[in-house]
Amino acid sequence: MILSGPLLAQDCDPKTYASTPSDQFREHADGTVTDTKSKLTWMRCPLGMQWQGGNCVGVAAQYEWVDAGRFIKQMNGNDGFAGHRDWRLPALKELEGIVEHRCISPAINLEIFPATPPTGFWSATPEKDYDKGVWLMYFLHGKSYMGNAQQEWKVRLVRDAR
């Protein structure tokens, strides 16, 4: 069974200003988008899913935080993704920049980031007061939480646009 979309229907308030309007992003055919505001290039699909026919297909993988870092290092050391080998976990502030505040379940622009599951995504931002704590963005409602690095969460990668 292949899931290509969230199990819950996204709910958006059409009367509210979009915090991440689609025209803020430049779409590329290779499964990436560049945010013209932040100048960051994002994978459109979470790790584990593939960009195919204008949508994300498959099932998003989950990783412990350290394992996500290992996977990214290995991926960048091999062929990378979309012709680039400098992908990384986004900082919490960068993940906050793709939250669509007028939507929930998930709180993201599904035209730009299709099939995003309404769950937590790891950031690269550790919690300074707890050695096993790492911040994650929970896309069910667009709030950030501290997670234990040994928990498994989804991953969406980013790179600095050049």
N, C-alpha and C. Protein backbone atom coordinates (compact mmCIF):
# COMPACT_ATOMS: atom_id res chain seq x y z
N MET A 1 0.84 -1.18 0.00
CA MET A 1 0.00 0.00 0.00
C MET A 1 0.88 1.24 0.00
N ILE A 2 0.63 2.15 -0.92
CA ILE A 2 1.40 3.39 -1.00
C ILE A 2 0.49 4.55 -0.63
N LEU A 3 0.93 5.32 0.34
CA LEU A 3 0.19 6.51 0.75
C LEU A 3 0.85 7.71 0.11
N SER A 4 0.07 8.54 -0.53
CA SER A 4 0.65 9.72 -1.15
C SER A 4 0.10 11.00 -0.57
N GLY A 5 -0.65 10.91 0.50
CA GLY A 5 -1.20 12.11 1.10
C GLY A 5 -1.47 11.92 2.56
N PRO A 6 -1.73 13.00 3.27
CA PRO A 6 -2.02 12.88 4.69
C PRO A 6 -3.35 12.16 4.90
N LEU A 7 -3.47 11.49 6.03
CA LEU A 7 -4.69 10.76 6.33
C LEU A 7 -5.80 11.70 6.78
N LEU A 8 -5.46 12.85 7.28
CA LEU A 8 -6.45 13.84 7.69
C LEU A 8 -6.53 14.92 6.63
N ALA A 9 -7.69 15.49 6.46
CA ALA A 9 -7.85 16.56 5.47
C ALA A 9 -7.34 17.87 6.04
N GLN A 10 -6.54 18.57 5.26
CA GLN A 10 -6.02 19.86 5.69
C GLN A 10 -7.18 20.85 5.83
N ASP A 11 -7.09 21.70 6.84
CA ASP A 11 -8.11 22.72 7.09
C ASP A 11 -7.42 24.08 7.07
N CYS A 12 -7.84 24.95 6.13
CA CYS A 12 -7.24 26.28 6.01
C CYS A 12 -8.33 27.34 6.10
N ASP A 13 -7.98 28.49 6.63
CA ASP A 13 -8.89 29.63 6.70
C ASP A 13 -8.62 30.51 5.47
N PRO A 14 -9.50 30.46 4.46
CA PRO A 14 -9.25 31.23 3.24
C PRO A 14 -9.33 32.74 3.43
N LYS A 15 -9.87 33.20 4.56
CA LYS A 15 -9.98 34.64 4.82
C LYS A 15 -8.70 35.22 5.42
N THR A 16 -7.78 34.33 5.81
CA THR A 16 -6.55 34.76 6.46
C THR A 16 -5.42 34.83 5.44
N TYR A 17 -4.55 35.80 5.60
CA TYR A 17 -3.40 35.99 4.72
C TYR A 17 -2.49 34.77 4.77
N ALA A 18 -2.06 34.29 3.62
CA ALA A 18 -1.14 33.14 3.55
C ALA A 18 0.25 33.57 4.01
N SER A 19 0.81 32.83 4.96
CA SER A 19 2.17 33.14 5.42
C SER A 19 3.23 32.57 4.49
N THR A 20 2.87 31.56 3.69
CA THR A 20 3.80 30.98 2.70
C THR A 20 3.07 30.84 1.36
N PRO A 21 2.75 31.97 0.71
CA PRO A 21 2.03 31.88 -0.57
C PRO A 21 2.87 31.15 -1.62
N SER A 22 2.20 30.43 -2.49
CA SER A 22 2.90 29.64 -3.51
C SER A 22 3.83 30.48 -4.37
N ASP A 23 3.45 31.73 -4.64
CA ASP A 23 4.31 32.56 -5.49
C ASP A 23 5.59 33.02 -4.79
N GLN A 24 5.74 32.68 -3.53
CA GLN A 24 6.99 32.96 -2.80
C GLN A 24 8.07 31.92 -3.15
N PHE A 25 7.66 30.82 -3.79
CA PHE A 25 8.57 29.71 -4.07
C PHE A 25 8.77 29.55 -5.57
N ARG A 26 10.01 29.26 -5.95
CA ARG A 26 10.34 28.93 -7.33
C ARG A 26 10.47 27.42 -7.42
N GLU A 27 9.59 26.80 -8.18
CA GLU A 27 9.57 25.34 -8.29
C GLU A 27 10.58 24.87 -9.32
N HIS A 28 11.25 23.76 -9.02
CA HIS A 28 12.20 23.15 -9.93
C HIS A 28 11.70 21.74 -10.28
N ALA A 29 12.03 21.26 -11.46
CA ALA A 29 11.56 19.96 -11.93
C ALA A 29 12.18 18.79 -11.18
N ASP A 30 13.24 19.04 -10.40
CA ASP A 30 13.98 17.96 -9.73
C ASP A 30 13.47 17.62 -8.33
N GLY A 31 12.29 18.13 -7.97
CA GLY A 31 11.75 17.82 -6.65
C GLY A 31 12.21 18.77 -5.56
N THR A 32 12.66 19.96 -5.96
CA THR A 32 13.07 20.98 -5.00
C THR A 32 12.32 22.28 -5.28
N VAL A 33 12.31 23.16 -4.29
CA VAL A 33 11.77 24.51 -4.45
C VAL A 33 12.73 25.47 -3.75
N THR A 34 12.81 26.67 -4.29
CA THR A 34 13.61 27.72 -3.65
C THR A 34 12.66 28.77 -3.10
N ASP A 35 12.83 29.06 -1.84
CA ASP A 35 12.06 30.10 -1.16
C ASP A 35 12.73 31.43 -1.50
N THR A 36 12.05 32.26 -2.26
CA THR A 36 12.65 33.53 -2.69
C THR A 36 12.81 34.51 -1.54
N LYS A 37 12.10 34.28 -0.44
CA LYS A 37 12.20 35.14 0.73
C LYS A 37 13.43 34.79 1.57
N SER A 38 13.60 33.51 1.87
CA SER A 38 14.72 33.09 2.73
C SER A 38 15.97 32.73 1.95
N LYS A 39 15.82 32.52 0.63
CA LYS A 39 16.93 32.09 -0.24
C LYS A 39 17.39 30.67 0.07
N LEU A 40 16.50 29.85 0.62
CA LEU A 40 16.82 28.45 0.90
C LEU A 40 16.16 27.57 -0.15
N THR A 41 16.82 26.47 -0.49
CA THR A 41 16.25 25.46 -1.38
C THR A 41 15.87 24.25 -0.54
N TRP A 42 14.63 23.81 -0.69
CA TRP A 42 14.07 22.72 0.10
C TRP A 42 13.77 21.52 -0.77
N MET A 43 13.90 20.32 -0.20
CA MET A 43 13.34 19.13 -0.82
C MET A 43 11.83 19.24 -0.67
N ARG A 44 11.11 18.98 -1.72
CA ARG A 44 9.65 19.07 -1.64
C ARG A 44 9.06 17.91 -0.85
N CYS A 45 9.73 16.77 -0.87
CA CYS A 45 9.24 15.57 -0.19
C CYS A 45 10.08 15.28 1.05
N PRO A 46 9.46 14.73 2.08
CA PRO A 46 10.24 14.25 3.22
C PRO A 46 11.13 13.08 2.78
N LEU A 47 12.21 12.84 3.50
CA LEU A 47 13.05 11.69 3.19
C LEU A 47 12.20 10.42 3.22
N GLY A 48 12.45 9.54 2.28
CA GLY A 48 11.69 8.30 2.15
C GLY A 48 10.65 8.37 1.06
N MET A 49 10.22 9.57 0.72
CA MET A 49 9.26 9.74 -0.37
C MET A 49 10.02 10.20 -1.61
N GLN A 50 9.43 9.98 -2.78
CA GLN A 50 10.06 10.38 -4.03
C GLN A 50 9.16 11.36 -4.77
N TRP A 51 9.81 12.31 -5.47
CA TRP A 51 9.11 13.27 -6.30
C TRP A 51 8.80 12.56 -7.62
N GLN A 52 7.50 12.46 -7.94
CA GLN A 52 7.11 11.72 -9.14
C GLN A 52 5.81 12.31 -9.68
N GLY A 53 5.85 12.77 -10.90
CA GLY A 53 4.65 13.28 -11.54
C GLY A 53 4.03 14.46 -10.82
N GLY A 54 4.85 15.31 -10.23
CA GLY A 54 4.35 16.50 -9.55
C GLY A 54 3.80 16.25 -8.16
N ASN A 55 4.15 15.10 -7.57
CA ASN A 55 3.67 14.80 -6.23
C ASN A 55 4.71 13.96 -5.49
N CYS A 56 4.56 13.88 -4.19
CA CYS A 56 5.42 13.02 -3.37
C CYS A 56 4.71 11.68 -3.21
N VAL A 57 5.41 10.61 -3.54
CA VAL A 57 4.83 9.27 -3.43
C VAL A 57 5.69 8.42 -2.52
N GLY A 58 5.08 7.39 -1.96
CA GLY A 58 5.78 6.52 -1.03
C GLY A 58 5.43 6.87 0.40
N VAL A 59 6.27 6.43 1.30
CA VAL A 59 6.04 6.64 2.72
C VAL A 59 7.23 7.39 3.31
N ALA A 60 6.97 8.45 4.04
CA ALA A 60 8.03 9.23 4.68
C ALA A 60 8.70 8.39 5.76
N ALA A 61 10.02 8.35 5.73
CA ALA A 61 10.79 7.59 6.72
C ALA A 61 10.88 8.35 8.02
N GLN A 62 11.18 7.64 9.09
CA GLN A 62 11.41 8.25 10.40
C GLN A 62 12.81 7.88 10.85
N TYR A 63 13.47 8.82 11.50
CA TYR A 63 14.84 8.63 11.96
C TYR A 63 15.01 9.15 13.37
N GLU A 64 15.87 8.48 14.13
CA GLU A 64 16.38 9.12 15.33
C GLU A 64 17.28 10.25 14.84
N TRP A 65 17.47 11.27 15.65
CA TRP A 65 18.19 12.46 15.23
C TRP A 65 19.62 12.14 14.75
N VAL A 66 20.34 11.32 15.49
CA VAL A 66 21.72 10.97 15.10
C VAL A 66 21.72 10.18 13.79
N ASP A 67 20.76 9.26 13.64
CA ASP A 67 20.67 8.48 12.41
C ASP A 67 20.33 9.35 11.22
N ALA A 68 19.51 10.37 11.42
CA ALA A 68 19.22 11.30 10.33
C ALA A 68 20.50 11.98 9.86
N GLY A 69 21.31 12.40 10.81
CA GLY A 69 22.59 13.03 10.46
C GLY A 69 23.49 12.08 9.69
N ARG A 70 23.53 10.83 10.10
CA ARG A 70 24.34 9.83 9.40
C ARG A 70 23.83 9.63 7.97
N PHE A 71 22.51 9.53 7.83
CA PHE A 71 21.93 9.34 6.50
C PHE A 71 22.27 10.51 5.59
N ILE A 72 22.14 11.73 6.11
CA ILE A 72 22.42 12.93 5.31
C ILE A 72 23.89 12.93 4.87
N LYS A 73 24.79 12.61 5.80
CA LYS A 73 26.22 12.57 5.47
C LYS A 73 26.49 11.53 4.38
N GLN A 74 25.89 10.37 4.51
CA GLN A 74 26.08 9.31 3.51
C GLN A 74 25.49 9.74 2.16
N MET A 75 24.30 10.32 2.17
CA MET A 75 23.66 10.77 0.93
C MET A 75 24.52 11.82 0.23
N ASN A 76 24.99 12.81 1.00
CA ASN A 76 25.84 13.86 0.42
C ASN A 76 27.16 13.29 -0.07
N GLY A 77 27.68 12.26 0.60
CA GLY A 77 28.94 11.64 0.19
C GLY A 77 28.82 10.79 -1.06
N ASN A 78 27.59 10.37 -1.35
CA ASN A 78 27.34 9.59 -2.57
C ASN A 78 26.95 10.55 -3.69
N ASP A 79 25.76 10.41 -4.21
CA ASP A 79 25.33 11.25 -5.34
C ASP A 79 24.59 12.50 -4.90
N GLY A 80 24.28 12.62 -3.61
CA GLY A 80 23.51 13.77 -3.14
C GLY A 80 22.07 13.67 -3.61
N PHE A 81 21.46 14.81 -3.83
CA PHE A 81 20.08 14.87 -4.32
C PHE A 81 19.96 16.07 -5.24
N ALA A 82 19.31 15.87 -6.38
CA ALA A 82 19.05 16.94 -7.34
C ALA A 82 20.34 17.66 -7.77
N GLY A 83 21.42 16.89 -7.87
CA GLY A 83 22.68 17.45 -8.33
C GLY A 83 23.47 18.21 -7.29
N HIS A 84 23.06 18.14 -6.03
CA HIS A 84 23.75 18.87 -4.95
C HIS A 84 24.12 17.91 -3.84
N ARG A 85 25.24 18.22 -3.19
CA ARG A 85 25.74 17.36 -2.11
C ARG A 85 25.97 18.15 -0.83
N ASP A 86 25.17 19.19 -0.63
CA ASP A 86 25.32 20.02 0.57
C ASP A 86 23.99 20.14 1.34
N TRP A 87 23.20 19.08 1.33
CA TRP A 87 21.93 19.06 2.05
C TRP A 87 22.19 18.94 3.55
N ARG A 88 21.28 19.48 4.34
CA ARG A 88 21.43 19.47 5.80
C ARG A 88 20.06 19.53 6.45
N LEU A 89 20.06 19.21 7.76
CA LEU A 89 18.86 19.45 8.54
C LEU A 89 18.66 20.95 8.68
N PRO A 90 17.44 21.42 8.58
CA PRO A 90 17.20 22.86 8.76
C PRO A 90 17.24 23.25 10.24
N ALA A 91 17.65 24.47 10.51
CA ALA A 91 17.54 25.03 11.85
C ALA A 91 16.04 25.20 12.16
N LEU A 92 15.71 25.23 13.43
CA LEU A 92 14.31 25.40 13.82
C LEU A 92 13.72 26.65 13.18
N LYS A 93 14.47 27.73 13.19
CA LYS A 93 13.99 28.99 12.60
C LYS A 93 13.68 28.83 11.11
N GLU A 94 14.47 28.01 10.42
CA GLU A 94 14.22 27.76 8.99
C GLU A 94 12.94 26.95 8.79
N LEU A 95 12.71 25.94 9.63
CA LEU A 95 11.47 25.18 9.55
C LEU A 95 10.26 26.06 9.85
N GLU A 96 10.42 26.95 10.81
CA GLU A 96 9.33 27.88 11.13
C GLU A 96 8.96 28.72 9.91
N GLY A 97 9.93 28.97 9.04
CA GLY A 97 9.70 29.78 7.84
C GLY A 97 8.84 29.11 6.79
N ILE A 98 8.61 27.80 6.88
CA ILE A 98 7.73 27.14 5.90
C ILE A 98 6.40 26.71 6.52
N VAL A 99 6.14 27.10 7.75
CA VAL A 99 4.84 26.83 8.36
C VAL A 99 3.80 27.74 7.71
N GLU A 100 2.69 27.16 7.32
CA GLU A 100 1.56 27.94 6.81
C GLU A 100 0.60 28.14 7.97
N HIS A 101 0.59 29.36 8.51
CA HIS A 101 -0.14 29.65 9.74
C HIS A 101 -1.66 29.65 9.61
N ARG A 102 -2.16 29.72 8.39
CA ARG A 102 -3.62 29.71 8.24
C ARG A 102 -4.18 28.29 8.08
N CYS A 103 -3.29 27.29 8.12
CA CYS A 103 -3.72 25.90 7.93
C CYS A 103 -3.31 25.02 9.10
N ILE A 104 -4.06 23.95 9.28
CA ILE A 104 -3.69 22.90 10.23
C ILE A 104 -3.88 21.55 9.55
N SER A 105 -3.17 20.57 10.04
CA SER A 105 -3.33 19.17 9.65
C SER A 105 -3.11 18.89 8.16
N PRO A 106 -1.98 19.29 7.57
CA PRO A 106 -0.80 19.89 8.18
C PRO A 106 -0.76 21.41 7.99
N ALA A 107 0.09 22.04 8.79
CA ALA A 107 0.27 23.49 8.76
C ALA A 107 1.42 23.82 7.80
N ILE A 108 1.18 23.54 6.51
CA ILE A 108 2.18 23.77 5.48
C ILE A 108 1.45 23.97 4.15
N ASN A 109 2.07 24.63 3.21
CA ASN A 109 1.49 24.85 1.89
C ASN A 109 1.62 23.54 1.11
N LEU A 110 0.52 22.82 0.95
CA LEU A 110 0.55 21.51 0.28
C LEU A 110 0.75 21.62 -1.23
N GLU A 111 0.55 22.79 -1.79
CA GLU A 111 0.86 22.98 -3.22
C GLU A 111 2.37 22.93 -3.42
N ILE A 112 3.13 23.45 -2.47
CA ILE A 112 4.59 23.49 -2.55
C ILE A 112 5.21 22.24 -1.94
N PHE A 113 4.66 21.78 -0.83
CA PHE A 113 5.17 20.60 -0.12
C PHE A 113 4.07 19.54 -0.04
N PRO A 114 3.74 18.90 -1.18
CA PRO A 114 2.61 17.97 -1.19
C PRO A 114 2.85 16.73 -0.32
N ALA A 115 1.77 16.19 0.17
CA ALA A 115 1.78 14.94 0.93
C ALA A 115 2.59 15.01 2.21
N THR A 116 2.76 16.21 2.76
CA THR A 116 3.47 16.34 4.04
C THR A 116 2.62 15.77 5.15
N PRO A 117 3.14 14.78 5.87
CA PRO A 117 2.35 14.24 6.98
C PRO A 117 2.26 15.24 8.13
N PRO A 118 1.11 15.28 8.82
CA PRO A 118 0.92 16.23 9.92
C PRO A 118 1.58 15.72 11.20
N THR A 119 2.89 15.70 11.21
CA THR A 119 3.64 15.16 12.33
C THR A 119 4.91 15.98 12.55
N GLY A 120 5.79 15.49 13.40
CA GLY A 120 7.01 16.20 13.73
C GLY A 120 8.13 15.97 12.74
N PHE A 121 8.93 17.02 12.51
CA PHE A 121 10.10 16.99 11.65
C PHE A 121 11.29 17.52 12.44
N TRP A 122 12.39 16.78 12.39
CA TRP A 122 13.61 17.19 13.11
C TRP A 122 14.18 18.49 12.58
N SER A 123 14.71 19.28 13.49
CA SER A 123 15.52 20.44 13.13
C SER A 123 16.97 20.11 13.51
N ALA A 124 17.87 21.00 13.17
CA ALA A 124 19.28 20.87 13.56
C ALA A 124 19.56 21.57 14.88
N THR A 125 18.52 22.09 15.52
CA THR A 125 18.67 22.94 16.70
C THR A 125 18.57 22.13 17.99
N PRO A 126 19.70 21.94 18.68
CA PRO A 126 19.64 21.21 19.96
C PRO A 126 19.09 22.11 21.07
N GLU A 127 18.57 21.48 22.11
CA GLU A 127 18.13 22.21 23.30
C GLU A 127 19.35 22.39 24.20
N LYS A 128 19.69 23.62 24.49
CA LYS A 128 20.94 23.90 25.23
C LYS A 128 20.92 23.41 26.68
N ASP A 129 19.73 23.23 27.27
CA ASP A 129 19.66 22.83 28.67
C ASP A 129 19.38 21.35 28.89
N TYR A 130 19.29 20.58 27.81
CA TYR A 130 19.01 19.15 27.94
C TYR A 130 19.81 18.42 26.87
N ASP A 131 20.79 17.64 27.29
CA ASP A 131 21.74 17.07 26.33
C ASP A 131 21.13 16.11 25.31
N LYS A 132 19.96 15.55 25.58
CA LYS A 132 19.31 14.66 24.61
C LYS A 132 18.17 15.36 23.87
N GLY A 133 18.00 16.65 24.12
CA GLY A 133 16.89 17.37 23.52
C GLY A 133 17.25 18.05 22.21
N VAL A 134 16.36 17.91 21.24
CA VAL A 134 16.50 18.56 19.94
C VAL A 134 15.12 19.10 19.57
N TRP A 135 15.08 20.29 18.99
CA TRP A 135 13.82 20.91 18.63
C TRP A 135 13.28 20.33 17.33
N LEU A 136 11.96 20.19 17.30
CA LEU A 136 11.30 19.73 16.09
C LEU A 136 10.09 20.61 15.81
N MET A 137 9.71 20.63 14.54
CA MET A 137 8.52 21.37 14.12
C MET A 137 7.41 20.35 13.91
N TYR A 138 6.30 20.57 14.59
CA TYR A 138 5.18 19.65 14.48
C TYR A 138 4.18 20.26 13.49
N PHE A 139 4.10 19.66 12.29
CA PHE A 139 3.29 20.25 11.23
C PHE A 139 1.80 19.95 11.33
N LEU A 140 1.36 19.28 12.39
CA LEU A 140 -0.08 19.15 12.61
C LEU A 140 -0.67 20.55 12.78
N HIS A 141 0.00 21.37 13.62
CA HIS A 141 -0.50 22.71 13.92
C HIS A 141 0.57 23.80 13.83
N GLY A 142 1.79 23.45 13.42
CA GLY A 142 2.83 24.45 13.19
C GLY A 142 3.51 24.97 14.44
N LYS A 143 3.54 24.17 15.49
CA LYS A 143 4.22 24.57 16.73
C LYS A 143 5.51 23.78 16.87
N SER A 144 6.47 24.35 17.60
CA SER A 144 7.74 23.65 17.83
C SER A 144 7.73 23.02 19.22
N TYR A 145 8.42 21.89 19.32
CA TYR A 145 8.54 21.15 20.57
C TYR A 145 9.95 20.61 20.70
N MET A 146 10.35 20.36 21.93
CA MET A 146 11.61 19.67 22.14
C MET A 146 11.33 18.18 22.14
N GLY A 147 12.12 17.46 21.36
CA GLY A 147 12.00 16.01 21.33
C GLY A 147 13.26 15.37 21.88
N ASN A 148 13.15 14.14 22.32
CA ASN A 148 14.31 13.37 22.74
C ASN A 148 14.99 12.86 21.47
N ALA A 149 16.29 13.07 21.34
CA ALA A 149 17.04 12.71 20.13
C ALA A 149 16.92 11.23 19.79
N GLN A 150 16.48 10.40 20.75
CA GLN A 150 16.34 8.97 20.49
C GLN A 150 14.94 8.61 19.98
N GLN A 151 14.07 9.59 19.89
CA GLN A 151 12.76 9.36 19.28
C GLN A 151 12.93 9.39 17.75
N GLU A 152 11.96 8.85 17.05
CA GLU A 152 12.00 8.88 15.59
C GLU A 152 10.98 9.88 15.06
N TRP A 153 11.47 10.77 14.19
CA TRP A 153 10.61 11.76 13.55
C TRP A 153 10.96 11.85 12.07
N LYS A 154 10.16 12.56 11.32
CA LYS A 154 10.37 12.76 9.88
C LYS A 154 11.49 13.77 9.65
N VAL A 155 11.95 13.82 8.38
CA VAL A 155 13.07 14.70 8.02
C VAL A 155 12.78 15.33 6.65
N ARG A 156 12.95 16.64 6.57
CA ARG A 156 12.92 17.37 5.29
C ARG A 156 14.22 18.17 5.24
N LEU A 157 14.94 18.04 4.14
CA LEU A 157 16.26 18.67 4.04
C LEU A 157 16.22 19.99 3.31
N VAL A 158 17.27 20.77 3.57
CA VAL A 158 17.38 22.12 3.01
C VAL A 158 18.83 22.35 2.62
N ARG A 159 19.04 23.32 1.78
CA ARG A 159 20.39 23.76 1.43
C ARG A 159 20.33 25.26 1.16
N ASP A 160 21.46 25.90 1.28
CA ASP A 160 21.53 27.32 0.98
C ASP A 160 21.54 27.49 -0.53
N ALA A 161 20.62 28.28 -1.05
CA ALA A 161 20.58 28.52 -2.50
C ALA A 161 21.77 29.36 -2.91
N ARG A 162 22.28 29.10 -4.08
CA ARG A 162 23.43 29.86 -4.58
C ARG A 162 23.11 30.49 -5.89
